C-alpha atoms as a PDB file:
ATOM      1  CA  MET A   1      89.271  94.742  20.282  1.00  0.00           C
ATOM      2  CA  SER A   2      86.411  92.622  18.960  1.00  0.00           C
ATOM      3  CA  GLU A   3      86.374  91.684  15.289  1.00  0.00           C
ATOM      4  CA  ILE A   4      83.518  93.073  13.190  1.00  0.00           C
ATOM      5  CA  VAL A   5      82.109  90.767  10.527  1.00  0.00           C
ATOM      6  CA  ARG A   6      79.815  92.219   7.871  1.00  0.00           C
ATOM      7  CA  ILE A   7      77.596  90.047   5.666  1.00  0.00           C
ATOM      8  CA  GLU A   8      76.229  91.279   2.318  1.00  0.00           C
ATOM      9  CA  THR A   9      77.786  94.695   2.606  1.00  0.00           C
ATOM     10  CA  ALA A  10      77.105  97.554   0.211  1.00  0.00           C
ATOM     11  CA  GLN A  11      78.105 101.213   0.366  1.00  0.00           C
ATOM     12  CA  ARG A  12      75.051 102.240   2.380  1.00  0.00           C
ATOM     13  CA  SER A  13      74.636  99.297   4.766  1.00  0.00           C
ATOM     14  CA  SER A  14      75.238  95.648   5.596  1.00  0.00           C
ATOM     15  CA  ARG A  15      72.461  93.068   5.844  1.00  0.00           C
ATOM     16  CA  VAL A  16      74.108  91.573   8.949  1.00  0.00           C
ATOM     17  CA  VAL A  17      76.826  92.745  11.333  1.00  0.00           C
ATOM     18  CA  LYS A  18      78.432  90.492  13.947  1.00  0.00           C
ATOM     19  CA  ALA A  19      80.349  92.260  16.714  1.00  0.00           C
ATOM     20  CA  ALA A  20      80.959  92.000  20.448  1.00  0.00           C
ATOM     21  CA  GLY A  21      79.116  88.675  20.645  1.00  0.00           C
ATOM     22  CA  LEU A  22      75.983  90.032  18.976  1.00  0.00           C
ATOM     23  CA  VAL A  23      74.353  89.559  15.576  1.00  0.00           C
ATOM     24  CA  PHE A  24      72.461  92.517  14.119  1.00  0.00           C
ATOM     25  CA  VAL A  25      70.147  91.868  11.163  1.00  0.00           C
ATOM     26  CA  GLY A  26      69.156  95.115   9.461  1.00  0.00           C
ATOM     27  CA  GLY A  27      65.585  95.957   8.552  1.00  0.00           C
ATOM     28  CA  GLN A  28      64.139  93.432   6.107  1.00  0.00           C
ATOM     29  CA  THR A  29      61.217  93.873   3.738  1.00  0.00           C
ATOM     30  CA  ALA A  30      59.457  91.495   1.344  1.00  0.00           C
ATOM     31  CA  ASN A  31      60.684  91.026  -2.200  1.00  0.00           C
ATOM     32  CA  ASP A  32      57.183  90.314  -3.537  1.00  0.00           C
ATOM     33  CA  ARG A  33      55.240  93.284  -2.247  1.00  0.00           C
ATOM     34  CA  SER A  34      52.071  92.374  -4.132  1.00  0.00           C
ATOM     35  CA  GLN A  35      51.217  90.099  -1.187  1.00  0.00           C
ATOM     36  CA  ASP A  36      49.188  91.065   1.883  1.00  0.00           C
ATOM     37  CA  VAL A  37      50.818  91.604   5.278  1.00  0.00           C
ATOM     38  CA  LYS A  38      50.770  87.873   6.081  1.00  0.00           C
ATOM     39  CA  GLY A  39      52.606  87.062   2.866  1.00  0.00           C
ATOM     40  CA  GLN A  40      55.059  89.909   3.323  1.00  0.00           C
ATOM     41  CA  THR A  41      55.710  88.954   6.961  1.00  0.00           C
ATOM     42  CA  ALA A  42      56.377  85.329   5.992  1.00  0.00           C
ATOM     43  CA  GLN A  43      58.850  86.475   3.326  1.00  0.00           C
ATOM     44  CA  VAL A  44      60.634  88.778   5.774  1.00  0.00           C
ATOM     45  CA  LEU A  45      60.928  86.077   8.430  1.00  0.00           C
ATOM     46  CA  ALA A  46      62.299  83.615   5.853  1.00  0.00           C
ATOM     47  CA  LYS A  47      64.923  86.193   4.882  1.00  0.00           C
ATOM     48  CA  ILE A  48      65.795  86.697   8.557  1.00  0.00           C
ATOM     49  CA  ASP A  49      66.159  82.917   9.007  1.00  0.00           C
ATOM     50  CA  GLY A  50      68.616  82.894   6.102  1.00  0.00           C
ATOM     51  CA  PHE A  51      70.666  85.779   7.459  1.00  0.00           C
ATOM     52  CA  LEU A  52      70.750  84.237  10.934  1.00  0.00           C
ATOM     53  CA  ALA A  53      72.035  81.000   9.383  1.00  0.00           C
ATOM     54  CA  GLN A  54      74.759  82.940   7.546  1.00  0.00           C
ATOM     55  CA  ALA A  55      75.748  84.419  10.915  1.00  0.00           C
ATOM     56  CA  GLY A  56      75.867  80.970  12.505  1.00  0.00           C
ATOM     57  CA  ILE A  57      72.780  81.218  14.734  1.00  0.00           C
ATOM     58  CA  ASP A  58      69.036  80.633  14.562  1.00  0.00           C
ATOM     59  CA  LYS A  59      65.910  82.302  15.939  1.00  0.00           C
ATOM     60  CA  THR A  60      66.339  80.619  19.340  1.00  0.00           C
ATOM     61  CA  ARG A  61      69.237  83.059  19.902  1.00  0.00           C
ATOM     62  CA  LEU A  62      67.211  86.248  19.322  1.00  0.00           C
ATOM     63  CA  LEU A  63      67.345  88.944  21.982  1.00  0.00           C
ATOM     64  CA  SER A  64      65.243  91.725  20.495  1.00  0.00           C
ATOM     65  CA  SER A  65      63.130  92.656  17.501  1.00  0.00           C
ATOM     66  CA  GLN A  66      61.596  95.774  16.072  1.00  0.00           C
ATOM     67  CA  ILE A  67      58.629  95.665  13.727  1.00  0.00           C
ATOM     68  CA  TRP A  68      57.257  98.538  11.673  1.00  0.00           C
ATOM     69  CA  LEU A  69      53.801  98.266  10.116  1.00  0.00           C
ATOM     70  CA  ARG A  70      52.388 100.616   7.503  1.00  0.00           C
ATOM     71  CA  ASP A  71      48.885 100.309   9.005  1.00  0.00           C
ATOM     72  CA  ILE A  72      48.895  98.915  12.546  1.00  0.00           C
ATOM     73  CA  ASP A  73      45.096  99.031  12.900  1.00  0.00           C
ATOM     74  CA  ARG A  74      44.542  96.925   9.789  1.00  0.00           C
ATOM     75  CA  ASP A  75      47.597  94.611   9.889  1.00  0.00           C
ATOM     76  CA  PHE A  76      48.629  94.028  13.520  1.00  0.00           C
ATOM     77  CA  ALA A  77      46.588  90.843  14.102  1.00  0.00           C
ATOM     78  CA  ALA A  78      47.495  89.290  10.732  1.00  0.00           C
ATOM     79  CA  MET A  79      51.206  90.034  11.165  1.00  0.00           C
ATOM     80  CA  ASN A  80      51.100  88.582  14.698  1.00  0.00           C
ATOM     81  CA  GLU A  81      49.541  85.372  13.385  1.00  0.00           C
ATOM     82  CA  VAL A  82      52.583  84.785  11.173  1.00  0.00           C
ATOM     83  CA  TRP A  83      55.049  86.052  13.801  1.00  0.00           C
ATOM     84  CA  ASP A  84      53.629  83.825  16.544  1.00  0.00           C
ATOM     85  CA  ALA A  85      53.905  80.739  14.332  1.00  0.00           C
ATOM     86  CA  TRP A  86      57.533  81.632  13.510  1.00  0.00           C
ATOM     87  CA  VAL A  87      58.933  82.426  16.971  1.00  0.00           C
ATOM     88  CA  ALA A  88      60.590  79.407  18.588  1.00  0.00           C
ATOM     89  CA  PRO A  89      58.554  78.208  21.601  1.00  0.00           C
ATOM     90  CA  GLY A  90      59.883  79.718  24.808  1.00  0.00           C
ATOM     91  CA  CYS A  91      62.382  81.888  22.911  1.00  0.00           C
ATOM     92  CA  GLY A  92      60.419  85.052  22.180  1.00  0.00           C
ATOM     93  CA  PRO A  93      62.706  88.087  21.962  1.00  0.00           C
ATOM     94  CA  THR A  94      61.868  91.465  23.408  1.00  0.00           C
ATOM     95  CA  ARG A  95      59.783  93.290  20.836  1.00  0.00           C
ATOM     96  CA  ALA A  96      58.546  96.677  19.785  1.00  0.00           C
ATOM     97  CA  CYS A  97      55.895  97.075  17.087  1.00  0.00           C
ATOM     98  CA  VAL A  98      54.858 100.474  15.774  1.00  0.00           C
ATOM     99  CA  GLU A  99      53.069 102.085  12.855  1.00  0.00           C
ATOM    100  CA  SER A 100      55.369 103.960  10.511  1.00  0.00           C
ATOM    101  CA  LYS A 101      55.500 105.517   7.085  1.00  0.00           C
ATOM    102  CA  LEU A 102      57.791 103.064   5.303  1.00  0.00           C
ATOM    103  CA  ALA A 103      60.219 103.711   2.432  1.00  0.00           C
ATOM    104  CA  LEU A 104      57.785 102.697  -0.327  1.00  0.00           C
ATOM    105  CA  PRO A 105      53.975 102.625  -0.291  1.00  0.00           C
ATOM    106  CA  ASP A 106      53.749  98.888  -1.092  1.00  0.00           C
ATOM    107  CA  ILE A 107      55.920  97.878   1.887  1.00  0.00           C
ATOM    108  CA  LEU A 108      53.525  96.736   4.607  1.00  0.00           C
ATOM    109  CA  VAL A 109      56.029  95.441   7.183  1.00  0.00           C
ATOM    110  CA  GLU A 110      59.715  95.808   8.019  1.00  0.00           C
ATOM    111  CA  ILE A 111      61.499  93.793  10.716  1.00  0.00           C
ATOM    112  CA  THR A 112      64.951  93.930  12.294  1.00  0.00           C
ATOM    113  CA  VAL A 113      66.370  91.581  14.925  1.00  0.00           C
ATOM    114  CA  THR A 114      69.372  91.293  17.211  1.00  0.00           C
ATOM    115  CA  GLY A 115      70.691  87.950  18.434  1.00  0.00           C
ATOM    116  CA  LEU A 116      73.417  86.484  20.568  1.00  0.00           C
ATOM    117  CA  ALA A 117      76.248  84.942  18.574  1.00  0.00           C
ATOM    118  CA  ALA A 118      76.950  81.257  19.114  1.00  0.00           C
ATOM    119  CA  ASP A 119      79.736  80.445  21.566  1.00  0.00           C
END
């Protein structure tokens, strides 16, 4: 049976779970939600970079991503500008991006990713 490693675990959830050769980073939101979607997206991606590093991988190992936007009509292009600059060249994961009512009204973007653990 494969070992399960949990990183930054609380009662409700873990920030990262490594199992069966995969790394799952739970949905991340910005800490400073006074910023626009570009600022929030940059914060989220920086947090994801940190969690990937804790799991022993980087964004070149990503397999999939899911992005939720509070207002896709207003924020899709701006979020993509930050996302496109962040994704490693030639290593874009599969991706879904949808509009969603998020947990708090000042959250503009939430992102989760799944990666392949290092050998």
